[in-house]
Amino acid sequence: MNENHSENEFTRAPQEGGICPGPAAGSETDRAAGAVALAEAELKRAKEAYDRVYDDAIRRIREVREAKVGDLCDEVLEKVKRRPCTSLFVSAVLGFFLGRLFRR
């Protein structure tokens, strides 16, 4: 291989799944097209991940808006009944910090 020619991810043709097999035997245009195709695939995956996170956030916001105070209290009481030791520890830590905050 030529010493002046350095290999990087743009000198290899993209393969399905975004894996590049090795040096591409083609023109600079072919390699640039391969790099663009790889970038498009990455952009598509990023958009899909963004859509999943966005949909999850919208769902959670709707759940919080629709929740009633009584429902939230019932959920907290159920969690306290399932794990009383953890609840006691959390309430002690929270009480300590609130006591320090409102000391004066």
N, C-alpha and C. Protein backbone atom coordinates (compact mmCIF):
# COMPACT_ATOMS: atom_id res chain seq x y z
N MET A 1 0.85 -1.17 0.00
CA MET A 1 0.00 0.00 0.00
C MET A 1 0.89 1.24 0.00
N ASN A 2 0.45 2.27 -0.58
CA ASN A 2 1.18 3.52 -0.69
C ASN A 2 1.35 4.15 0.69
N GLU A 3 2.55 4.65 0.98
CA GLU A 3 2.81 5.24 2.28
C GLU A 3 2.04 6.54 2.48
N ASN A 4 1.76 7.27 1.43
CA ASN A 4 1.05 8.54 1.54
C ASN A 4 -0.45 8.34 1.76
N HIS A 5 -0.92 7.14 1.53
CA HIS A 5 -2.35 6.87 1.65
C HIS A 5 -2.62 6.31 3.05
N SER A 6 -3.37 7.05 3.86
CA SER A 6 -3.71 6.56 5.20
C SER A 6 -5.14 6.05 5.20
N GLU A 7 -5.36 4.97 5.94
CA GLU A 7 -6.69 4.38 6.01
C GLU A 7 -7.47 4.97 7.17
N ASN A 8 -8.73 5.20 6.96
CA ASN A 8 -9.65 5.56 8.02
C ASN A 8 -11.02 5.05 7.65
N GLU A 9 -12.03 5.35 8.45
CA GLU A 9 -13.35 4.80 8.18
C GLU A 9 -13.97 5.32 6.89
N PHE A 10 -13.45 6.41 6.32
CA PHE A 10 -14.00 6.96 5.09
C PHE A 10 -13.37 6.33 3.84
N THR A 11 -12.32 5.55 4.02
CA THR A 11 -11.69 4.92 2.86
C THR A 11 -12.20 3.51 2.65
N ARG A 12 -13.17 3.08 3.48
CA ARG A 12 -13.73 1.75 3.36
C ARG A 12 -15.21 1.85 2.99
N ALA A 13 -15.65 0.94 2.15
CA ALA A 13 -17.06 0.93 1.73
C ALA A 13 -17.92 0.42 2.88
N PRO A 14 -19.08 1.03 3.11
CA PRO A 14 -19.95 0.55 4.19
C PRO A 14 -20.61 -0.76 3.81
N GLN A 15 -20.88 -1.54 4.84
CA GLN A 15 -21.53 -2.82 4.66
C GLN A 15 -22.85 -2.76 5.43
N GLU A 16 -23.74 -3.67 5.20
CA GLU A 16 -25.01 -3.65 5.91
C GLU A 16 -24.75 -3.75 7.40
N GLY A 17 -25.41 -2.92 8.18
CA GLY A 17 -25.19 -2.88 9.62
C GLY A 17 -24.12 -1.88 10.02
N GLY A 18 -23.54 -1.15 9.07
CA GLY A 18 -22.57 -0.11 9.38
C GLY A 18 -21.16 -0.61 9.59
N ILE A 19 -20.86 -1.87 9.26
CA ILE A 19 -19.52 -2.42 9.46
C ILE A 19 -18.76 -2.32 8.15
N CYS A 20 -17.56 -1.78 8.18
CA CYS A 20 -16.75 -1.62 6.98
C CYS A 20 -15.77 -2.78 6.88
N PRO A 21 -15.74 -3.51 5.75
CA PRO A 21 -14.91 -4.70 5.64
C PRO A 21 -13.43 -4.43 5.48
N GLY A 22 -13.02 -3.39 4.80
CA GLY A 22 -11.61 -3.14 4.56
C GLY A 22 -11.44 -2.03 3.55
N PRO A 23 -10.24 -1.88 3.00
CA PRO A 23 -10.03 -0.81 2.04
C PRO A 23 -10.91 -0.98 0.81
N ALA A 24 -11.47 0.12 0.37
CA ALA A 24 -12.34 0.09 -0.80
C ALA A 24 -11.51 0.21 -2.06
N ALA A 25 -11.87 -0.57 -3.06
CA ALA A 25 -11.19 -0.49 -4.34
C ALA A 25 -12.09 0.31 -5.27
N GLY A 26 -12.06 1.61 -5.16
CA GLY A 26 -12.93 2.45 -5.97
C GLY A 26 -12.41 3.86 -6.00
N SER A 27 -13.15 4.69 -6.65
CA SER A 27 -12.74 6.08 -6.77
C SER A 27 -13.07 6.85 -5.49
N GLU A 28 -12.59 8.04 -5.43
CA GLU A 28 -12.89 8.91 -4.29
C GLU A 28 -14.38 9.16 -4.19
N THR A 29 -15.05 9.24 -5.32
CA THR A 29 -16.50 9.46 -5.32
C THR A 29 -17.22 8.28 -4.69
N ASP A 30 -16.77 7.07 -5.00
CA ASP A 30 -17.38 5.88 -4.41
C ASP A 30 -17.18 5.86 -2.89
N ARG A 31 -16.00 6.20 -2.47
CA ARG A 31 -15.72 6.23 -1.03
C ARG A 31 -16.52 7.32 -0.33
N ALA A 32 -16.67 8.48 -0.98
CA ALA A 32 -17.48 9.54 -0.40
C ALA A 32 -18.94 9.11 -0.32
N ALA A 33 -19.42 8.43 -1.36
CA ALA A 33 -20.80 7.94 -1.35
C ALA A 33 -20.99 6.92 -0.23
N GLY A 34 -19.99 6.10 0.00
CA GLY A 34 -20.05 5.13 1.09
C GLY A 34 -20.11 5.81 2.44
N ALA A 35 -19.31 6.86 2.61
CA ALA A 35 -19.32 7.61 3.85
C ALA A 35 -20.67 8.28 4.08
N VAL A 36 -21.25 8.80 3.01
CA VAL A 36 -22.57 9.44 3.12
C VAL A 36 -23.62 8.40 3.50
N ALA A 37 -23.55 7.21 2.90
CA ALA A 37 -24.50 6.15 3.22
C ALA A 37 -24.37 5.72 4.68
N LEU A 38 -23.14 5.64 5.16
CA LEU A 38 -22.91 5.30 6.56
C LEU A 38 -23.48 6.37 7.48
N ALA A 39 -23.27 7.63 7.13
CA ALA A 39 -23.79 8.74 7.93
C ALA A 39 -25.32 8.72 7.92
N GLU A 40 -25.92 8.41 6.79
CA GLU A 40 -27.39 8.34 6.72
C GLU A 40 -27.93 7.22 7.61
N ALA A 41 -27.24 6.10 7.63
CA ALA A 41 -27.67 4.98 8.49
C ALA A 41 -27.58 5.37 9.96
N GLU A 42 -26.51 6.04 10.33
CA GLU A 42 -26.35 6.50 11.72
C GLU A 42 -27.42 7.52 12.07
N LEU A 43 -27.72 8.42 11.16
CA LEU A 43 -28.76 9.43 11.39
C LEU A 43 -30.12 8.76 11.57
N LYS A 44 -30.40 7.74 10.79
CA LYS A 44 -31.66 7.02 10.90
C LYS A 44 -31.78 6.36 12.27
N ARG A 45 -30.70 5.72 12.72
CA ARG A 45 -30.73 5.08 14.05
C ARG A 45 -30.90 6.12 15.16
N ALA A 46 -30.25 7.27 15.02
CA ALA A 46 -30.38 8.32 16.03
C ALA A 46 -31.82 8.85 16.06
N LYS A 47 -32.43 9.01 14.89
CA LYS A 47 -33.80 9.50 14.82
C LYS A 47 -34.75 8.50 15.48
N GLU A 48 -34.55 7.21 15.25
CA GLU A 48 -35.39 6.19 15.86
C GLU A 48 -35.26 6.21 17.38
N ALA A 49 -34.03 6.39 17.88
CA ALA A 49 -33.82 6.47 19.32
C ALA A 49 -34.49 7.71 19.89
N TYR A 50 -34.38 8.83 19.19
CA TYR A 50 -35.02 10.07 19.62
C TYR A 50 -36.54 9.89 19.68
N ASP A 51 -37.11 9.26 18.67
CA ASP A 51 -38.55 9.04 18.63
C ASP A 51 -39.01 8.19 19.80
N ARG A 52 -38.24 7.15 20.15
CA ARG A 52 -38.60 6.31 21.29
C ARG A 52 -38.58 7.10 22.59
N VAL A 53 -37.55 7.90 22.79
CA VAL A 53 -37.44 8.70 24.02
C VAL A 53 -38.55 9.74 24.08
N TYR A 54 -38.84 10.37 22.95
CA TYR A 54 -39.88 11.39 22.89
C TYR A 54 -41.25 10.78 23.22
N ASP A 55 -41.56 9.63 22.63
CA ASP A 55 -42.84 8.97 22.89
C ASP A 55 -42.97 8.57 24.35
N ASP A 56 -41.88 8.08 24.93
CA ASP A 56 -41.89 7.70 26.34
C ASP A 56 -42.11 8.92 27.23
N ALA A 57 -41.48 10.03 26.92
CA ALA A 57 -41.65 11.25 27.71
C ALA A 57 -43.09 11.76 27.62
N ILE A 58 -43.67 11.74 26.43
CA ILE A 58 -45.05 12.18 26.26
C ILE A 58 -46.00 11.29 27.06
N ARG A 59 -45.75 9.98 27.02
CA ARG A 59 -46.60 9.05 27.78
C ARG A 59 -46.52 9.32 29.27
N ARG A 60 -45.31 9.55 29.77
CA ARG A 60 -45.15 9.81 31.21
C ARG A 60 -45.78 11.13 31.62
N ILE A 61 -45.66 12.15 30.78
CA ILE A 61 -46.28 13.44 31.09
C ILE A 61 -47.80 13.28 31.18
N ARG A 62 -48.38 12.53 30.24
CA ARG A 62 -49.84 12.31 30.28
C ARG A 62 -50.24 11.56 31.54
N GLU A 63 -49.45 10.57 31.94
CA GLU A 63 -49.76 9.82 33.15
C GLU A 63 -49.73 10.73 34.38
N VAL A 64 -48.76 11.62 34.46
CA VAL A 64 -48.66 12.53 35.61
C VAL A 64 -49.82 13.52 35.60
N ARG A 65 -50.18 14.03 34.43
CA ARG A 65 -51.30 14.98 34.36
C ARG A 65 -52.62 14.32 34.74
N GLU A 66 -52.81 13.06 34.39
CA GLU A 66 -54.06 12.38 34.67
C GLU A 66 -54.14 11.82 36.09
N ALA A 67 -53.00 11.76 36.77
CA ALA A 67 -52.97 11.18 38.11
C ALA A 67 -53.64 12.12 39.11
N LYS A 68 -54.34 11.53 40.05
CA LYS A 68 -54.97 12.27 41.13
C LYS A 68 -54.10 12.15 42.37
N VAL A 69 -54.27 13.06 43.30
CA VAL A 69 -53.47 13.04 44.53
C VAL A 69 -53.74 11.75 45.30
N GLY A 70 -54.98 11.33 45.34
CA GLY A 70 -55.33 10.10 46.04
C GLY A 70 -54.66 8.89 45.42
N ASP A 71 -54.58 8.87 44.11
CA ASP A 71 -53.91 7.76 43.43
C ASP A 71 -52.43 7.72 43.78
N LEU A 72 -51.81 8.90 43.81
CA LEU A 72 -50.39 8.97 44.16
C LEU A 72 -50.15 8.52 45.60
N CYS A 73 -51.05 8.92 46.51
CA CYS A 73 -50.92 8.49 47.91
C CYS A 73 -51.07 6.98 48.04
N ASP A 74 -52.02 6.41 47.29
CA ASP A 74 -52.20 4.96 47.32
C ASP A 74 -50.96 4.23 46.82
N GLU A 75 -50.35 4.74 45.75
CA GLU A 75 -49.13 4.12 45.23
C GLU A 75 -47.99 4.18 46.24
N VAL A 76 -47.85 5.33 46.91
CA VAL A 76 -46.80 5.48 47.91
C VAL A 76 -47.03 4.50 49.06
N LEU A 77 -48.28 4.39 49.51
CA LEU A 77 -48.57 3.47 50.61
C LEU A 77 -48.29 2.02 50.22
N GLU A 78 -48.60 1.65 48.98
CA GLU A 78 -48.30 0.29 48.53
C GLU A 78 -46.80 0.03 48.53
N LYS A 79 -46.02 1.02 48.10
CA LYS A 79 -44.56 0.85 48.09
C LYS A 79 -44.01 0.76 49.50
N VAL A 80 -44.58 1.54 50.43
CA VAL A 80 -44.14 1.49 51.82
C VAL A 80 -44.44 0.12 52.42
N LYS A 81 -45.60 -0.44 52.08
CA LYS A 81 -45.96 -1.77 52.60
C LYS A 81 -45.05 -2.86 52.04
N ARG A 82 -44.62 -2.70 50.78
CA ARG A 82 -43.74 -3.71 50.18
C ARG A 82 -42.33 -3.64 50.73
N ARG A 83 -41.82 -2.44 50.99
CA ARG A 83 -40.44 -2.27 51.47
C ARG A 83 -40.40 -1.28 52.64
N PRO A 84 -40.77 -1.73 53.83
CA PRO A 84 -40.83 -0.80 54.96
C PRO A 84 -39.45 -0.29 55.41
N CYS A 85 -38.42 -1.13 55.34
CA CYS A 85 -37.09 -0.69 55.79
C CYS A 85 -36.54 0.41 54.89
N THR A 86 -36.69 0.23 53.59
CA THR A 86 -36.21 1.25 52.65
C THR A 86 -36.99 2.54 52.84
N SER A 87 -38.28 2.43 53.05
CA SER A 87 -39.12 3.62 53.25
C SER A 87 -38.72 4.36 54.52
N LEU A 88 -38.43 3.62 55.57
CA LEU A 88 -38.00 4.24 56.83
C LEU A 88 -36.68 4.97 56.65
N PHE A 89 -35.74 4.36 55.94
CA PHE A 89 -34.45 4.99 55.69
C PHE A 89 -34.61 6.26 54.86
N VAL A 90 -35.41 6.20 53.80
CA VAL A 90 -35.62 7.37 52.95
C VAL A 90 -36.29 8.49 53.73
N SER A 91 -37.28 8.16 54.55
CA SER A 91 -37.96 9.21 55.33
C SER A 91 -37.02 9.82 56.37
N ALA A 92 -36.13 9.02 56.97
CA ALA A 92 -35.18 9.56 57.94
C ALA A 92 -34.20 10.51 57.27
N VAL A 93 -33.68 10.14 56.10
CA VAL A 93 -32.75 11.00 55.37
C VAL A 93 -33.45 12.28 54.93
N LEU A 94 -34.65 12.15 54.41
CA LEU A 94 -35.41 13.31 53.97
C LEU A 94 -35.73 14.23 55.15
N GLY A 95 -36.11 13.64 56.28
CA GLY A 95 -36.38 14.44 57.49
C GLY A 95 -35.14 15.17 57.97
N PHE A 96 -33.99 14.51 57.92
CA PHE A 96 -32.74 15.15 58.34
C PHE A 96 -32.45 16.38 57.48
N PHE A 97 -32.54 16.21 56.14
CA PHE A 97 -32.22 17.33 55.27
C PHE A 97 -33.26 18.45 55.36
N LEU A 98 -34.51 18.10 55.53
CA LEU A 98 -35.52 19.15 55.70
C LEU A 98 -35.32 19.89 57.02
N GLY A 99 -34.92 19.15 58.05
CA GLY A 99 -34.63 19.78 59.34
C GLY A 99 -33.45 20.74 59.25
N ARG A 100 -32.43 20.35 58.50
CA ARG A 100 -31.27 21.23 58.31
C ARG A 100 -31.64 22.45 57.46
N LEU A 101 -32.51 22.25 56.50
CA LEU A 101 -32.90 23.33 55.61
C LEU A 101 -33.73 24.38 56.35
N PHE A 102 -34.66 23.95 57.20
CA PHE A 102 -35.55 24.88 57.88
C PHE A 102 -35.16 25.09 59.34
N ARG A 103 -33.90 24.96 59.64
CA ARG A 103 -33.42 25.07 61.02
C ARG A 103 -33.68 26.45 61.59
N ARG A 104 -33.55 27.46 60.82
CA ARG A 104 -33.76 28.83 61.33
C ARG A 104 -35.08 29.32 60.98
